[in-house]
Amino acid sequence: MENKNTELNSSFSGSKVHPNAYVDPSAELRNGVIISQGAIVGPEVVIGEGTQIGPNAVITGRTKIGNNNKIFPNVFIGLDPQDLKYKGASTEVIIGDNNTFRECVTINKATDEGEKTIIGNNNLLMAYTHIGHNCELGNGIILSNSVQVAGHVKVEDKAIIGGCLGIHQFVHIGYLAMIGGMTRVDRDVPPFCLAEGHPGRLRGLNRIGIKRNGLTENKDFDLKLLQNTWNLLFKSDHVISDALDMAIKGGLDSSSTKLCDFLNESISKERRGPMPSIN
């Protein structure tokens, strides 16, 4: 009997598709793509050069995956959102380059027409991580095992998120923030901040992360000013809106400006507000 999967393999020049995998003939595989045993790739999927799809992974929907990504077994990307408002819209998942998705990661597409779930470059999502609909992840992010990210969450570049925790919908995580394992994340975590606890509380600046990323070697970065700004915002007796005005009037460098800009947006009506600091 003729093996249809063997026929299928020959139709994707420059890629390697296991005979026991299924790739829809209308999917687009670039050079060097590897599709492992039992994997399923749907009709509207585009997979970039050098990306590896592990055994029994499912890639479906309008999903575009960039170059040199490593997708481990039983990963599910592009399935319908877990959202009761979803009415069958043909939404998208857009993934960049050089990401690693470990075992049993799930990434849902967006809810409404024209919307996207977006993941940038050079991210590590460890086993059993879930990325809900309409999320936006930047670059160089680490999500540890069993991080559950609800819909409409935004995570900025180089954030590190500890394991076994949930992030509430519409929360924003700032640049170079670090969140300890099992923290309840129901408010925004500002840039450069260290958060931990149940309920989650800001503990101070992520000084180790700042140092490891070489910011202290940058002549334009002023750690003392950033610390003084943080103290004014989170440790003074001023309400945060007044503290922001005082910080801006006092003069800021680019990093302190990034912190204040984030907080100005966080206290707007559209956002959940910043996580409070520990007493």
Protein backbone atom coordinates (compact mmCIF):
# COMPACT_ATOMS: atom_id res chain seq x y z
CA MET A 1 0.00 0.00 0.00
CA GLU A 2 1.31 3.47 -0.90
CA ASN A 3 2.39 5.62 2.07
CA LYS A 4 0.84 9.07 1.63
CA ASN A 5 3.15 10.58 4.25
CA THR A 6 6.15 9.47 2.22
CA GLU A 7 4.68 11.33 -0.73
CA LEU A 8 4.19 14.33 1.52
CA ASN A 9 7.85 14.39 2.57
CA SER A 10 8.99 14.98 -0.99
CA SER A 11 6.78 18.08 -1.37
CA PHE A 12 8.72 20.12 1.23
CA SER A 13 12.10 20.67 -0.39
CA GLY A 14 14.88 21.38 2.09
CA SER A 15 12.88 20.16 5.10
CA LYS A 16 12.78 16.84 6.90
CA VAL A 17 9.34 15.47 7.73
CA HIS A 18 9.01 12.16 9.58
CA PRO A 19 6.84 9.60 7.74
CA ASN A 20 4.52 9.39 10.74
CA ALA A 21 4.02 13.16 10.96
CA TYR A 22 1.29 15.05 9.12
CA VAL A 23 1.94 18.38 7.39
CA ASP A 24 -0.89 19.92 5.41
CA PRO A 25 0.18 20.36 1.77
CA SER A 26 -0.62 24.09 1.94
CA ALA A 27 1.63 24.72 4.96
CA GLU A 28 4.92 26.49 4.28
CA LEU A 29 8.16 24.98 5.55
CA ARG A 30 11.42 26.85 4.95
CA ASN A 31 14.85 25.23 4.54
CA GLY A 32 16.12 23.06 7.37
CA VAL A 33 12.82 22.58 9.18
CA ILE A 34 12.52 19.27 11.03
CA ILE A 35 9.09 17.78 11.77
CA SER A 36 9.30 14.84 14.19
CA GLN A 37 7.21 11.70 14.57
CA GLY A 38 3.53 12.25 15.34
CA ALA A 39 3.63 16.03 14.89
CA ILE A 40 0.75 17.79 13.13
CA VAL A 41 1.15 21.01 11.13
CA GLY A 42 -2.01 22.69 9.88
CA PRO A 43 -2.84 24.36 6.56
CA GLU A 44 -2.12 28.02 7.36
CA VAL A 45 1.13 27.50 9.23
CA VAL A 46 4.46 29.04 8.17
CA ILE A 47 7.64 27.68 9.79
CA GLY A 48 10.97 29.45 9.36
CA GLU A 49 14.39 28.08 8.56
CA GLY A 50 16.03 25.67 10.98
CA THR A 51 13.05 25.35 13.31
CA GLN A 52 12.60 21.93 14.91
CA ILE A 53 9.13 20.59 15.76
CA GLY A 54 9.25 17.80 18.36
CA PRO A 55 7.24 14.57 18.54
CA ASN A 56 3.46 14.90 18.88
CA ALA A 57 3.50 18.69 18.76
CA VAL A 58 0.49 20.39 17.14
CA ILE A 59 0.93 23.65 15.20
CA THR A 60 -2.32 24.93 13.73
CA GLY A 61 -4.32 28.04 12.83
CA ARG A 62 -2.83 31.14 11.24
CA THR A 63 0.53 30.61 12.93
CA LYS A 64 3.83 32.04 11.74
CA ILE A 65 6.99 30.76 13.43
CA GLY A 66 10.38 32.31 12.70
CA ASN A 67 13.84 30.81 12.34
CA ASN A 68 15.80 28.43 14.57
CA ASN A 69 13.12 27.79 17.14
CA LYS A 70 13.21 24.56 19.13
CA ILE A 71 9.79 23.13 19.93
CA PHE A 72 9.84 20.13 22.26
CA PRO A 73 7.35 17.21 22.42
CA ASN A 74 3.65 17.77 23.04
CA VAL A 75 3.71 21.52 22.50
CA PHE A 76 0.42 23.01 21.21
CA ILE A 77 0.53 26.31 19.31
CA GLY A 78 -2.28 28.20 17.57
CA LEU A 79 -5.32 26.42 19.01
CA ASP A 80 -8.53 28.30 19.81
CA PRO A 81 -8.39 30.65 22.82
CA GLN A 82 -9.88 29.59 26.13
CA ASP A 83 -12.24 32.55 26.00
CA LEU A 84 -16.04 32.35 26.04
CA LYS A 85 -16.12 35.46 23.83
CA TYR A 86 -14.39 33.61 21.00
CA LYS A 87 -16.72 33.22 18.01
CA GLY A 88 -14.45 31.49 15.52
CA ALA A 89 -12.43 34.45 14.21
CA SER A 90 -9.39 33.56 12.12
CA THR A 91 -6.83 35.20 14.41
CA GLU A 92 -3.06 34.79 14.51
CA VAL A 93 -0.04 33.62 16.49
CA ILE A 94 3.24 35.31 15.53
CA ILE A 95 6.50 33.89 16.91
CA GLY A 96 9.99 35.26 16.27
CA ASP A 97 13.40 33.58 16.14
CA ASN A 98 15.59 31.47 18.45
CA ASN A 99 12.91 30.61 21.00
CA THR A 100 12.79 27.40 23.03
CA PHE A 101 9.42 25.92 23.99
CA ARG A 102 9.84 22.99 26.36
CA GLU A 103 7.52 20.03 26.87
CA CYS A 104 3.75 20.67 26.97
CA VAL A 105 3.85 24.43 26.39
CA THR A 106 0.53 25.79 25.10
CA ILE A 107 0.13 29.05 23.15
CA ASN A 108 -3.39 30.16 22.17
CA LYS A 109 -4.32 32.40 19.28
CA ALA A 110 -6.14 35.71 19.83
CA THR A 111 -9.88 36.17 20.31
CA ASP A 112 -11.25 38.75 17.87
CA GLU A 113 -10.73 39.40 14.17
CA GLY A 114 -7.47 41.19 13.38
CA GLU A 115 -5.87 40.41 16.76
CA LYS A 116 -2.66 38.49 17.47
CA THR A 117 -0.79 36.59 20.14
CA ILE A 118 2.84 37.63 19.78
CA ILE A 119 6.10 36.15 21.05
CA GLY A 120 9.42 37.80 20.19
CA ASN A 121 12.95 36.39 19.99
CA ASN A 122 15.35 34.44 22.22
CA ASN A 123 12.78 33.44 24.84
CA LEU A 124 12.77 30.31 27.00
CA LEU A 125 9.38 28.93 28.00
CA MET A 126 9.90 25.97 30.30
CA ALA A 127 7.66 22.92 30.60
CA TYR A 128 3.90 23.32 31.08
CA THR A 129 3.92 27.07 30.47
CA HIS A 130 0.63 28.45 29.12
CA ILE A 131 0.36 31.65 27.08
CA GLY A 132 -3.23 32.83 26.78
CA HIS A 133 -4.96 34.71 23.97
CA ASN A 134 -3.81 38.20 22.95
CA CYS A 135 -0.60 38.05 25.00
CA GLU A 136 2.51 39.90 23.90
CA LEU A 137 5.97 38.71 24.97
CA GLY A 138 9.11 40.62 24.08
CA ASN A 139 12.66 39.28 23.80
CA GLY A 140 15.05 37.42 26.09
CA ILE A 141 12.34 36.41 28.57
CA ILE A 142 12.50 33.34 30.82
CA LEU A 143 9.28 31.72 32.04
CA SER A 144 9.96 28.89 34.46
CA ASN A 145 8.00 25.64 34.73
CA SER A 146 4.21 25.85 35.05
CA VAL A 147 3.82 29.60 34.61
CA GLN A 148 0.19 30.22 33.63
CA VAL A 149 -0.28 33.48 31.71
CA ALA A 150 -3.88 34.67 31.26
CA GLY A 151 -5.16 36.64 28.29
CA HIS A 152 -4.01 40.14 27.29
CA VAL A 153 -0.82 39.98 29.40
CA LYS A 154 2.24 41.91 28.22
CA VAL A 155 5.76 40.88 29.26
CA GLU A 156 8.62 43.19 28.34
CA ASP A 157 12.18 42.25 27.38
CA LYS A 158 14.46 40.29 29.73
CA ALA A 159 11.86 39.66 32.42
CA ILE A 160 12.41 36.50 34.48
CA ILE A 161 9.37 34.77 35.98
CA GLY A 162 9.67 32.01 38.58
CA GLY A 163 7.80 28.72 38.45
CA CYS A 164 4.35 27.56 39.52
CA LEU A 165 2.54 30.88 39.39
CA GLY A 166 -0.35 32.57 37.63
CA ILE A 167 -0.44 35.99 35.99
CA HIS A 168 -3.83 37.70 35.97
CA GLN A 169 -5.31 38.90 32.68
CA PHE A 170 -4.33 42.40 31.49
CA VAL A 171 -1.27 42.52 33.79
CA HIS A 172 1.94 44.07 32.42
CA ILE A 173 5.41 42.89 33.45
CA GLY A 174 8.14 45.47 32.91
CA TYR A 175 11.64 45.35 31.44
CA LEU A 176 14.15 43.33 33.48
CA ALA A 177 11.60 42.59 36.21
CA MET A 178 12.08 39.42 38.23
CA ILE A 179 9.20 37.54 39.89
CA GLY A 180 9.81 34.82 42.47
CA GLY A 181 8.23 31.39 42.20
CA MET A 182 4.65 30.87 43.42
CA THR A 183 3.99 34.62 43.55
CA ARG A 184 0.39 35.75 42.99
CA VAL A 185 0.73 38.23 40.14
CA ASP A 186 -2.50 40.23 39.98
CA ARG A 187 -1.00 43.70 39.45
CA ASP A 188 1.58 45.23 37.12
CA VAL A 189 5.25 44.63 37.98
CA PRO A 190 7.30 47.71 36.99
CA PRO A 191 10.65 47.62 35.14
CA PHE A 192 13.79 46.73 37.12
CA CYS A 193 11.70 45.52 40.07
CA LEU A 194 11.86 42.36 42.17
CA ALA A 195 8.47 40.91 43.17
CA GLU A 196 7.62 37.99 45.44
CA GLY A 197 4.94 36.65 47.76
CA HIS A 198 1.28 35.70 48.05
CA PRO A 199 -0.16 38.23 47.55
CA GLY A 200 2.66 39.56 45.42
CA ARG A 201 4.63 42.53 46.70
CA LEU A 202 7.53 44.56 45.33
CA ARG A 203 10.69 43.87 47.32
CA GLY A 204 13.03 46.39 45.71
CA LEU A 205 15.17 46.65 42.60
CA ASN A 206 16.38 43.61 40.70
CA ARG A 207 20.00 44.54 41.38
CA ILE A 208 21.45 41.17 40.35
CA GLY A 209 19.60 41.27 37.04
CA ILE A 210 20.69 44.86 36.46
CA LYS A 211 24.32 43.91 37.06
CA ARG A 212 24.19 40.70 34.98
CA ASN A 213 22.81 42.63 32.01
CA GLY A 214 25.73 45.06 32.13
CA LEU A 215 23.69 48.17 32.92
CA THR A 216 26.01 49.22 35.75
CA GLU A 217 28.87 49.40 33.23
CA ASN A 218 26.91 51.88 31.09
CA LYS A 219 28.01 55.44 31.89
CA ASP A 220 24.47 56.68 31.16
CA PHE A 221 22.94 54.36 33.79
CA ASP A 222 22.66 55.77 37.31
CA LEU A 223 21.78 53.03 39.82
CA LYS A 224 21.75 55.49 42.72
CA LEU A 225 19.23 57.72 40.93
CA LEU A 226 17.09 54.69 40.05
CA GLN A 227 17.14 53.57 43.69
CA ASN A 228 16.24 57.06 44.93
CA THR A 229 13.39 57.21 42.40
CA TRP A 230 12.14 53.79 43.51
CA ASN A 231 12.26 54.85 47.17
CA LEU A 232 10.27 58.00 46.40
CA LEU A 233 7.66 56.04 44.46
CA PHE A 234 7.23 53.07 46.78
CA LYS A 235 8.65 53.93 50.22
CA SER A 236 7.63 57.54 50.78
CA ASP A 237 4.37 58.79 52.32
CA HIS A 238 3.33 60.36 49.01
CA VAL A 239 0.59 58.87 46.87
CA ILE A 240 2.10 57.46 43.70
CA SER A 241 0.71 60.15 41.37
CA ASP A 242 2.30 62.91 43.48
CA ALA A 243 5.54 60.93 43.79
CA LEU A 244 5.69 60.57 40.01
CA ASP A 245 5.32 64.34 39.57
CA MET A 246 8.08 64.95 42.12
CA ALA A 247 10.40 62.42 40.47
CA ILE A 248 9.93 63.90 37.01
CA LYS A 249 10.47 67.46 38.23
CA GLY A 250 13.66 66.37 40.00
CA GLY A 251 15.24 65.10 36.76
CA LEU A 252 15.61 61.54 35.51
CA ASP A 253 17.93 59.44 33.37
CA SER A 254 16.61 57.00 30.77
CA SER A 255 16.15 54.09 33.20
CA SER A 256 14.29 56.13 35.81
CA THR A 257 12.21 57.61 33.01
CA LYS A 258 11.33 54.07 31.84
CA LEU A 259 10.17 53.24 35.39
CA CYS A 260 8.07 56.41 35.70
CA ASP A 261 6.54 56.09 32.23
CA PHE A 262 5.49 52.51 33.02
CA LEU A 263 3.86 53.61 36.28
CA ASN A 264 2.07 56.54 34.62
CA GLU A 265 0.47 54.05 32.23
CA SER A 266 -0.16 51.50 34.99
CA ILE A 267 -2.27 53.89 37.08
CA SER A 268 -4.49 54.75 34.12
CA LYS A 269 -8.08 53.49 34.08
CA GLU A 270 -7.28 50.84 31.43
CA ARG A 271 -4.72 49.04 33.60
CA ARG A 272 -4.82 47.08 36.85
CA GLY A 273 -2.34 49.35 38.65
CA PRO A 274 1.13 48.55 40.02
CA MET A 275 1.85 45.87 42.56
CA PRO A 276 2.35 47.52 45.99
CA SER A 277 5.63 47.28 47.85
CA ILE A 278 6.16 45.34 51.05
CA ASN A 279 5.58 47.37 54.20
